[in-house]
Structure formats: structure tokens, C-alpha cells
Amino acid sequence: MRPDLVVSRSTPATAAIRNRGIPIVFVLVADPKGSGFVQDLGRPGGTVTGFSTFEASIGGKWLGLLKEAAPAVTHVSLLFNPETAPFADGYLQSAKAVAQTLGTTITAAPCGSAADIEAAFADRVHEGGGGIIGIADIFVTEHRDLIIALAARHRLPAVYGSRIFVPFGGLLAYSADFPDIFHRAAGYVDRILRDARPGELPVQAPARFALSVNLKTARAIGLALPPMLVARADEVIE
């Protein structure tokens, strides 16, 4: 089709087209430098730039929110697919850094199939005091319905890295404001179509984050969410 520019959503989508010589503005990419899309975040070089969702410290934030919502949680699994989320270790290490102060342990749960997801939930149920973190990984998002159903069936509290889980029954989500990222990306598209060079436009980090909670889900698994947590939420599902 010979486009003048492509907007790519996610790490796999960007990887598929990055070597075609077409200007690219990516969104929802966690680790653009580690993935080889740019040479430097401040000065990307080449024909690719965009907007990252990665903020390693959010791993500790997810764990803290989960513990605040469900104080009885002591063992937490972090769900991700190593193929689609090679950046997951950053989140894991961030969560481990705060786990001891919260009286919890956190374990990596790499998953490549629905059966792997089911096994990760079974492990948490078997040990007791279980909880789940589902990172902002395209694989995790694709298996949203299964993950939400397993959390409900086993009455396990879970926090997610994408707000799209919460309206469909997820308990908590804390994530970058995805609509805001797309709005900001439109500015880069405009500048490049007016002859700006992608390699000279710095990769930008998320500017806004949002907390979402689902009170109906909390009641269904026997949780009374702290009023202060609910009051801080940007989105509350009744």
C-alpha cells in the first residue's frame, strides 16, 4: 500500500514492520530500546519513535495495591508470556523489592498457553493466601476472559496492568492511560507528516496513570475494599 507512515500497536506489531524503511510511531511498547527499535530513548535514530508504556516501578505498585485490597494475600504469581513480554523481569524485580516489607512472596509465572495459566492459578490455590498480577502483556490481555473466570472460580484477588480487565470482572487495575497515549501519538504523526524526522523525536513515557476497581467483583470473592482505596480510584465499577 506504500503508506507514508504506520502507527503500530504493541511490541510484536512493531517488530513485524520495523525494517521496511517506513516511518513508524509505536504505542503500547514496553521496552523499545531493549527490543532494538531505537538506539536511544532521547534520540532514537532511524525511522522509528513513539510512546512507551514501561515503568519498572509499577511492579511494586501493583503488589502494594493488591496487598492493600486483600491484606491476607501472602503468595503472588506474576503472569506473563516470555515471548511477548521479554520486559517482564523489570516488573518482577520491582515487585520483589517491596515484597518483603509487605510480608509477601512473589513468583514468576511464565505462560505460553491456557493450560499454563490454569496451572499458575492452581499453584496459588494450593499454597493458600494466593494472589495474581497480570501484567500489561498482549498474551495476558488475549486471555482476559479465562484469567478473570479463574480468579472468580478460585476467589483469588488479582490486579492487572490494563484497565480493560475491570469492566469485564477484574478486581483491580493500575495502568498507563492508554487513550492519552494515543492522543499524544497523533501529535507525532502530524509532525512527521510535516517532515519531522522520527529519529529526532524522543521516545516518551506515560504521562498519566489510572486506578480502576470493581466493587461487584470484590463482593463476589468476599472482599471489602478499603474506603480510601476506592476513593483514590479513577474508575469504580459498581
C-alpha atoms as a PDB file:
ATOM      1  CA  MET A   1       0.000   0.000   0.000  1.00  0.00           C
ATOM      2  CA  ARG A   2       3.085   2.257   0.252  1.00  0.00           C
ATOM      3  CA  PRO A   3       1.963   4.231   3.332  1.00  0.00           C
ATOM      4  CA  ASP A   4       3.686   7.463   4.304  1.00  0.00           C
ATOM      5  CA  LEU A   5       3.663   6.392   7.958  1.00  0.00           C
ATOM      6  CA  VAL A   6       2.497   3.500  10.130  1.00  0.00           C
ATOM      7  CA  VAL A   7       1.199   3.616  13.700  1.00  0.00           C
ATOM      8  CA  SER A   8       1.994   0.273  15.318  1.00  0.00           C
ATOM      9  CA  ARG A   9       0.309  -1.000  18.460  1.00  0.00           C
ATOM     10  CA  SER A  10       2.349  -3.388  20.673  1.00  0.00           C
ATOM     11  CA  THR A  11       5.845  -4.846  20.595  1.00  0.00           C
ATOM     12  CA  PRO A  12       5.075  -7.740  18.178  1.00  0.00           C
ATOM     13  CA  ALA A  13       3.392  -5.400  15.678  1.00  0.00           C
ATOM     14  CA  THR A  14       6.340  -3.005  15.719  1.00  0.00           C
ATOM     15  CA  ALA A  15       8.847  -5.855  15.346  1.00  0.00           C
ATOM     16  CA  ALA A  16       6.996  -7.123  12.272  1.00  0.00           C
ATOM     17  CA  ILE A  17       7.389  -3.884  10.289  1.00  0.00           C
ATOM     18  CA  ARG A  18      10.403  -2.077  11.718  1.00  0.00           C
ATOM     19  CA  ASN A  19      12.870  -2.962   8.929  1.00  0.00           C
ATOM     20  CA  ARG A  20      10.774  -1.802   5.982  1.00  0.00           C
ATOM     21  CA  GLY A  21      12.077   1.764   5.838  1.00  0.00           C
ATOM     22  CA  ILE A  22       8.682   3.262   6.661  1.00  0.00           C
ATOM     23  CA  PRO A  23       8.360   5.950   9.369  1.00  0.00           C
ATOM     24  CA  ILE A  24       6.776   4.299  12.426  1.00  0.00           C
ATOM     25  CA  VAL A  25       5.142   5.769  15.510  1.00  0.00           C
ATOM     26  CA  PHE A  26       4.636   2.973  18.033  1.00  0.00           C
ATOM     27  CA  VAL A  27       2.302   2.936  21.011  1.00  0.00           C
ATOM     28  CA  LEU A  28       1.974   0.494  23.924  1.00  0.00           C
ATOM     29  CA  VAL A  29       5.537  -0.797  23.561  1.00  0.00           C
ATOM     30  CA  ALA A  30       7.171  -1.607  26.874  1.00  0.00           C
ATOM     31  CA  ASP A  31      10.912  -1.693  26.095  1.00  0.00           C
ATOM     32  CA  PRO A  32      11.678  -0.054  22.732  1.00  0.00           C
ATOM     33  CA  LYS A  33      15.436   0.116  23.300  1.00  0.00           C
ATOM     34  CA  GLY A  34      15.732  -3.452  24.591  1.00  0.00           C
ATOM     35  CA  SER A  35      13.620  -4.650  21.668  1.00  0.00           C
ATOM     36  CA  GLY A  36      16.011  -2.971  19.224  1.00  0.00           C
ATOM     37  CA  PHE A  37      13.501  -0.475  17.845  1.00  0.00           C
ATOM     38  CA  VAL A  38      15.530   2.618  18.820  1.00  0.00           C
ATOM     39  CA  GLN A  39      19.175   3.346  19.553  1.00  0.00           C
ATOM     40  CA  ASP A  40      18.455   5.729  22.411  1.00  0.00           C
ATOM     41  CA  LEU A  41      15.246   6.899  24.069  1.00  0.00           C
ATOM     42  CA  GLY A  42      16.240  10.562  23.859  1.00  0.00           C
ATOM     43  CA  ARG A  43      17.412  10.382  20.254  1.00  0.00           C
ATOM     44  CA  PRO A  44      16.011   7.235  18.635  1.00  0.00           C
ATOM     45  CA  GLY A  45      17.789   7.468  15.270  1.00  0.00           C
ATOM     46  CA  GLY A  46      16.430   5.661  12.236  1.00  0.00           C
ATOM     47  CA  THR A  47      12.777   5.752  11.253  1.00  0.00           C
ATOM     48  CA  VAL A  48      11.088   4.631  14.495  1.00  0.00           C
ATOM     49  CA  THR A  49       9.891   6.538  17.551  1.00  0.00           C
ATOM     50  CA  GLY A  50       6.846   6.514  19.782  1.00  0.00           C
ATOM     51  CA  PHE A  51       5.344   6.105  23.207  1.00  0.00           C
ATOM     52  CA  SER A  52       6.404   3.535  25.767  1.00  0.00           C
ATOM     53  CA  THR A  53       4.208   2.015  28.479  1.00  0.00           C
ATOM     54  CA  PHE A  54       7.118   0.690  30.521  1.00  0.00           C
ATOM     55  CA  GLU A  55       7.726   1.917  34.028  1.00  0.00           C
ATOM     56  CA  ALA A  56       9.523  -0.786  36.026  1.00  0.00           C
ATOM     57  CA  SER A  57       8.484   0.564  39.425  1.00  0.00           C
ATOM     58  CA  ILE A  58       4.840  -0.136  38.614  1.00  0.00           C
ATOM     59  CA  GLY A  59       5.505  -3.769  39.561  1.00  0.00           C
ATOM     60  CA  GLY A  60       5.873  -2.718  43.178  1.00  0.00           C
ATOM     61  CA  LYS A  61       2.795  -0.512  42.844  1.00  0.00           C
ATOM     62  CA  TRP A  62       0.716  -3.458  41.618  1.00  0.00           C
ATOM     63  CA  LEU A  63       1.810  -5.584  44.564  1.00  0.00           C
ATOM     64  CA  GLY A  64       1.120  -2.770  47.024  1.00  0.00           C
ATOM     65  CA  LEU A  65      -2.398  -2.259  45.668  1.00  0.00           C
ATOM     66  CA  LEU A  66      -3.110  -5.974  45.794  1.00  0.00           C
ATOM     67  CA  LYS A  67      -1.961  -6.167  49.415  1.00  0.00           C
ATOM     68  CA  GLU A  68      -3.997  -3.080  50.306  1.00  0.00           C
ATOM     69  CA  ALA A  69      -7.113  -4.599  48.756  1.00  0.00           C
ATOM     70  CA  ALA A  70      -6.546  -8.058  50.213  1.00  0.00           C
ATOM     71  CA  PRO A  71      -4.281  -7.969  53.304  1.00  0.00           C
ATOM     72  CA  ALA A  72      -4.438 -11.772  53.688  1.00  0.00           C
ATOM     73  CA  VAL A  73      -2.508 -12.270  50.430  1.00  0.00           C
ATOM     74  CA  THR A  74       0.934 -13.787  51.090  1.00  0.00           C
ATOM     75  CA  HIS A  75       1.874 -15.579  47.842  1.00  0.00           C
ATOM     76  CA  VAL A  76       1.539 -13.829  44.475  1.00  0.00           C
ATOM     77  CA  SER A  77       2.143 -15.063  40.930  1.00  0.00           C
ATOM     78  CA  LEU A  78       3.080 -12.621  38.171  1.00  0.00           C
ATOM     79  CA  LEU A  79       1.566 -13.804  34.874  1.00  0.00           C
ATOM     80  CA  PHE A  80       3.331 -13.085  31.573  1.00  0.00           C
ATOM     81  CA  ASN A  81       4.419 -14.707  28.337  1.00  0.00           C
ATOM     82  CA  PRO A  82       8.224 -14.641  27.848  1.00  0.00           C
ATOM     83  CA  GLU A  83       7.786 -14.437  24.068  1.00  0.00           C
ATOM     84  CA  THR A  84       5.549 -11.367  24.051  1.00  0.00           C
ATOM     85  CA  ALA A  85       6.800  -9.770  27.277  1.00  0.00           C
ATOM     86  CA  PRO A  86      10.608 -10.077  27.447  1.00  0.00           C
ATOM     87  CA  PHE A  87      10.496  -6.953  29.633  1.00  0.00           C
ATOM     88  CA  ALA A  88       8.556  -8.710  32.431  1.00  0.00           C
ATOM     89  CA  ASP A  89      11.628  -9.165  34.622  1.00  0.00           C
ATOM     90  CA  GLY A  90      11.704  -5.425  35.258  1.00  0.00           C
ATOM     91  CA  TYR A  91       8.237  -5.607  36.793  1.00  0.00           C
ATOM     92  CA  LEU A  92       9.144  -8.750  38.731  1.00  0.00           C
ATOM     93  CA  GLN A  93      12.266  -7.245  40.285  1.00  0.00           C
ATOM     94  CA  SER A  94      10.361  -4.098  41.237  1.00  0.00           C
ATOM     95  CA  ALA A  95       7.714  -6.204  42.965  1.00  0.00           C
ATOM     96  CA  LYS A  96      10.330  -8.319  44.731  1.00  0.00           C
ATOM     97  CA  ALA A  97      11.964  -5.165  46.076  1.00  0.00           C
ATOM     98  CA  VAL A  98       8.842  -4.320  48.075  1.00  0.00           C
ATOM     99  CA  ALA A  99       7.503  -7.839  48.716  1.00  0.00           C
ATOM    100  CA  GLN A 100       9.438  -8.425  51.919  1.00  0.00           C
ATOM    101  CA  THR A 101       8.209  -5.209  53.518  1.00  0.00           C
ATOM    102  CA  LEU A 102       4.646  -6.291  52.696  1.00  0.00           C
ATOM    103  CA  GLY A 103       5.048  -9.787  54.111  1.00  0.00           C
ATOM    104  CA  THR A 104       4.556 -11.457  50.738  1.00  0.00           C
ATOM    105  CA  THR A 105       6.473 -13.560  48.271  1.00  0.00           C
ATOM    106  CA  ILE A 106       6.174 -13.092  44.523  1.00  0.00           C
ATOM    107  CA  THR A 107       6.879 -15.743  41.909  1.00  0.00           C
ATOM    108  CA  ALA A 108       7.282 -15.501  38.152  1.00  0.00           C
ATOM    109  CA  ALA A 109       4.590 -17.465  36.309  1.00  0.00           C
ATOM    110  CA  PRO A 110       5.661 -17.620  32.646  1.00  0.00           C
ATOM    111  CA  CYS A 111       2.767 -18.822  30.487  1.00  0.00           C
ATOM    112  CA  GLY A 112       2.577 -19.806  26.854  1.00  0.00           C
ATOM    113  CA  SER A 113      -0.850 -21.420  26.777  1.00  0.00           C
ATOM    114  CA  ALA A 114      -4.213 -21.540  28.511  1.00  0.00           C
ATOM    115  CA  ALA A 115      -3.067 -24.684  30.320  1.00  0.00           C
ATOM    116  CA  ASP A 116      -0.108 -22.761  31.761  1.00  0.00           C
ATOM    117  CA  ILE A 117      -2.444 -20.069  33.063  1.00  0.00           C
ATOM    118  CA  GLU A 118      -4.649 -22.669  34.716  1.00  0.00           C
ATOM    119  CA  ALA A 119      -1.584 -24.273  36.321  1.00  0.00           C
ATOM    120  CA  ALA A 120      -0.433 -20.916  37.708  1.00  0.00           C
ATOM    121  CA  PHE A 121      -3.813 -20.415  39.367  1.00  0.00           C
ATOM    122  CA  ALA A 122      -3.755 -23.969  40.735  1.00  0.00           C
ATOM    123  CA  ASP A 123      -0.372 -23.290  42.353  1.00  0.00           C
ATOM    124  CA  ARG A 124      -1.708 -20.219  44.136  1.00  0.00           C
ATOM    125  CA  VAL A 125      -4.813 -22.038  45.364  1.00  0.00           C
ATOM    126  CA  HIS A 126      -2.751 -24.965  46.643  1.00  0.00           C
ATOM    127  CA  GLU A 127      -0.453 -22.806  48.787  1.00  0.00           C
ATOM    128  CA  GLY A 128      -3.174 -20.566  50.223  1.00  0.00           C
ATOM    129  CA  GLY A 129      -3.040 -16.799  50.635  1.00  0.00           C
ATOM    130  CA  GLY A 130      -2.806 -16.530  46.881  1.00  0.00           C
ATOM    131  CA  GLY A 131      -2.982 -13.517  44.606  1.00  0.00           C
ATOM    132  CA  ILE A 132      -2.352 -12.773  40.936  1.00  0.00           C
ATOM    133  CA  ILE A 133      -0.684  -9.963  38.998  1.00  0.00           C
ATOM    134  CA  GLY A 134      -1.477  -9.923  35.281  1.00  0.00           C
ATOM    135  CA  ILE A 135       0.944  -7.533  33.587  1.00  0.00           C
ATOM    136  CA  ALA A 136       0.216  -5.402  30.526  1.00  0.00           C
ATOM    137  CA  ASP A 137       1.220  -8.168  28.103  1.00  0.00           C
ATOM    138  CA  ILE A 138      -0.612  -8.826  24.834  1.00  0.00           C
ATOM    139  CA  PHE A 139      -0.797 -12.551  25.690  1.00  0.00           C
ATOM    140  CA  VAL A 140      -2.327 -11.840  29.086  1.00  0.00           C
ATOM    141  CA  THR A 141      -4.815  -9.451  27.507  1.00  0.00           C
ATOM    142  CA  GLU A 142      -5.811 -12.004  24.853  1.00  0.00           C
ATOM    143  CA  HIS A 143      -6.588 -14.473  27.661  1.00  0.00           C
ATOM    144  CA  ARG A 144      -8.519 -11.890  29.677  1.00  0.00           C
ATOM    145  CA  ASP A 145     -11.772 -13.874  29.891  1.00  0.00           C
ATOM    146  CA  LEU A 146     -10.034 -17.050  31.076  1.00  0.00           C
ATOM    147  CA  ILE A 147      -7.975 -15.219  33.697  1.00  0.00           C
ATOM    148  CA  ILE A 148     -10.985 -13.341  35.078  1.00  0.00           C
ATOM    149  CA  ALA A 149     -13.013 -16.573  35.183  1.00  0.00           C
ATOM    150  CA  LEU A 150     -10.248 -18.444  37.040  1.00  0.00           C
ATOM    151  CA  ALA A 151      -9.854 -15.618  39.558  1.00  0.00           C
ATOM    152  CA  ALA A 152     -13.601 -15.714  40.214  1.00  0.00           C
ATOM    153  CA  ARG A 153     -13.759 -19.511  40.438  1.00  0.00           C
ATOM    154  CA  HIS A 154     -10.886 -19.733  42.899  1.00  0.00           C
ATOM    155  CA  ARG A 155     -11.823 -16.494  44.700  1.00  0.00           C
ATOM    156  CA  LEU A 156      -8.317 -15.117  44.183  1.00  0.00           C
ATOM    157  CA  PRO A 157      -7.713 -11.343  44.301  1.00  0.00           C
ATOM    158  CA  ALA A 158      -5.927 -10.088  41.200  1.00  0.00           C
ATOM    159  CA  VAL A 159      -4.559  -6.813  39.897  1.00  0.00           C
ATOM    160  CA  TYR A 160      -3.930  -6.088  36.224  1.00  0.00           C
ATOM    161  CA  GLY A 161      -1.757  -3.812  34.151  1.00  0.00           C
ATOM    162  CA  SER A 162      -4.594  -2.856  31.803  1.00  0.00           C
ATOM    163  CA  ARG A 163      -7.903  -1.264  32.771  1.00  0.00           C
ATOM    164  CA  ILE A 164      -9.714  -3.335  30.130  1.00  0.00           C
ATOM    165  CA  PHE A 165      -9.929  -6.158  32.691  1.00  0.00           C
ATOM    166  CA  VAL A 166     -12.028  -4.273  35.222  1.00  0.00           C
ATOM    167  CA  PRO A 167     -15.305  -3.668  33.307  1.00  0.00           C
ATOM    168  CA  PHE A 168     -15.349  -7.403  32.483  1.00  0.00           C
ATOM    169  CA  GLY A 169     -14.941  -8.572  36.076  1.00  0.00           C
ATOM    170  CA  GLY A 170     -11.323  -7.946  37.017  1.00  0.00           C
ATOM    171  CA  LEU A 171     -10.866  -6.746  40.593  1.00  0.00           C
ATOM    172  CA  LEU A 172      -8.230  -4.018  40.220  1.00  0.00           C
ATOM    173  CA  ALA A 173      -6.165  -2.383  37.512  1.00  0.00           C
ATOM    174  CA  TYR A 174      -3.441   0.224  37.621  1.00  0.00           C
ATOM    175  CA  SER A 175      -2.167   1.199  34.215  1.00  0.00           C
ATOM    176  CA  ALA A 176      -0.921   3.893  31.937  1.00  0.00           C
ATOM    177  CA  ASP A 177      -3.758   5.946  30.472  1.00  0.00           C
ATOM    178  CA  PHE A 178      -3.906   4.306  27.024  1.00  0.00           C
ATOM    179  CA  PRO A 179      -6.295   6.835  25.408  1.00  0.00           C
ATOM    180  CA  ASP A 180      -3.947   9.632  26.491  1.00  0.00           C
ATOM    181  CA  ILE A 181      -1.019   7.820  24.844  1.00  0.00           C
ATOM    182  CA  PHE A 182      -2.921   7.553  21.551  1.00  0.00           C
ATOM    183  CA  HIS A 183      -3.857  11.243  21.694  1.00  0.00           C
ATOM    184  CA  ARG A 184      -0.208  12.179  22.194  1.00  0.00           C
ATOM    185  CA  ALA A 185       0.856   9.866  19.373  1.00  0.00           C
ATOM    186  CA  ALA A 186      -1.356  11.841  16.993  1.00  0.00           C
ATOM    187  CA  GLY A 187       0.909  14.834  17.600  1.00  0.00           C
ATOM    188  CA  TYR A 188       3.959  12.851  16.464  1.00  0.00           C
ATOM    189  CA  VAL A 189       2.083  11.637  13.379  1.00  0.00           C
ATOM    190  CA  ASP A 190       1.296  15.238  12.464  1.00  0.00           C
ATOM    191  CA  ARG A 191       4.894  16.371  12.957  1.00  0.00           C
ATOM    192  CA  ILE A 192       6.332  13.529  10.867  1.00  0.00           C
ATOM    193  CA  LEU A 193       3.867  14.139   8.039  1.00  0.00           C
ATOM    194  CA  ARG A 194       5.098  17.747   8.140  1.00  0.00           C
ATOM    195  CA  ASP A 195       8.649  16.469   7.531  1.00  0.00           C
ATOM    196  CA  ALA A 196       9.969  15.986  11.094  1.00  0.00           C
ATOM    197  CA  ARG A 197      12.396  13.056  11.355  1.00  0.00           C
ATOM    198  CA  PRO A 198      11.239  10.181  13.603  1.00  0.00           C
ATOM    199  CA  GLY A 199      14.815   9.589  14.743  1.00  0.00           C
ATOM    200  CA  GLU A 200      14.940  13.084  16.239  1.00  0.00           C
ATOM    201  CA  LEU A 201      11.688  12.800  18.216  1.00  0.00           C
ATOM    202  CA  PRO A 202      12.350  11.312  21.682  1.00  0.00           C
ATOM    203  CA  VAL A 203      10.511   8.251  22.891  1.00  0.00           C
ATOM    204  CA  GLN A 204       8.054   9.407  25.534  1.00  0.00           C
ATOM    205  CA  ALA A 205       6.990   7.684  28.753  1.00  0.00           C
ATOM    206  CA  PRO A 206       3.410   7.580  30.086  1.00  0.00           C
ATOM    207  CA  ALA A 207       2.238  10.921  31.439  1.00  0.00           C
ATOM    208  CA  ARG A 208      -0.841   9.667  33.279  1.00  0.00           C
ATOM    209  CA  PHE A 209      -1.831   6.524  35.183  1.00  0.00           C
ATOM    210  CA  ALA A 210      -5.293   5.385  36.270  1.00  0.00           C
ATOM    211  CA  LEU A 211      -6.615   3.144  39.051  1.00  0.00           C
ATOM    212  CA  SER A 212      -9.773   1.113  38.368  1.00  0.00           C
ATOM    213  CA  VAL A 213     -11.709  -1.037  40.864  1.00  0.00           C
ATOM    214  CA  ASN A 214     -14.672  -3.372  40.537  1.00  0.00           C
ATOM    215  CA  LEU A 215     -16.775  -3.434  43.725  1.00  0.00           C
ATOM    216  CA  LYS A 216     -19.076  -6.155  42.405  1.00  0.00           C
ATOM    217  CA  THR A 217     -16.102  -8.467  41.916  1.00  0.00           C
ATOM    218  CA  ALA A 218     -14.782  -7.628  45.367  1.00  0.00           C
ATOM    219  CA  ARG A 219     -18.093  -8.630  46.965  1.00  0.00           C
ATOM    220  CA  ALA A 220     -18.221 -11.844  44.922  1.00  0.00           C
ATOM    221  CA  ILE A 221     -14.873 -13.041  46.287  1.00  0.00           C
ATOM    222  CA  GLY A 222     -15.584 -11.866  49.819  1.00  0.00           C
ATOM    223  CA  LEU A 223     -13.513  -8.703  49.930  1.00  0.00           C
ATOM    224  CA  ALA A 224     -14.477  -5.371  51.453  1.00  0.00           C
ATOM    225  CA  LEU A 225     -12.195  -2.911  49.686  1.00  0.00           C
ATOM    226  CA  PRO A 226     -10.816  -0.164  51.942  1.00  0.00           C
ATOM    227  CA  PRO A 227     -12.762   3.100  51.509  1.00  0.00           C
ATOM    228  CA  MET A 228      -9.527   5.026  50.953  1.00  0.00           C
ATOM    229  CA  LEU A 229      -8.589   2.725  48.070  1.00  0.00           C
ATOM    230  CA  VAL A 230     -11.990   3.195  46.443  1.00  0.00           C
ATOM    231  CA  ALA A 231     -11.820   6.959  46.983  1.00  0.00           C
ATOM    232  CA  ARG A 232      -8.497   7.124  45.088  1.00  0.00           C
ATOM    233  CA  ALA A 233      -9.835   5.243  42.097  1.00  0.00           C
ATOM    234  CA  ASP A 234     -10.292   6.992  38.774  1.00  0.00           C
ATOM    235  CA  GLU A 235     -12.919   4.434  37.766  1.00  0.00           C
ATOM    236  CA  VAL A 236     -15.274   2.472  40.028  1.00  0.00           C
ATOM    237  CA  ILE A 237     -17.479  -0.334  38.690  1.00  0.00           C
ATOM    238  CA  GLU A 238     -20.476  -0.838  40.968  1.00  0.00           C
END
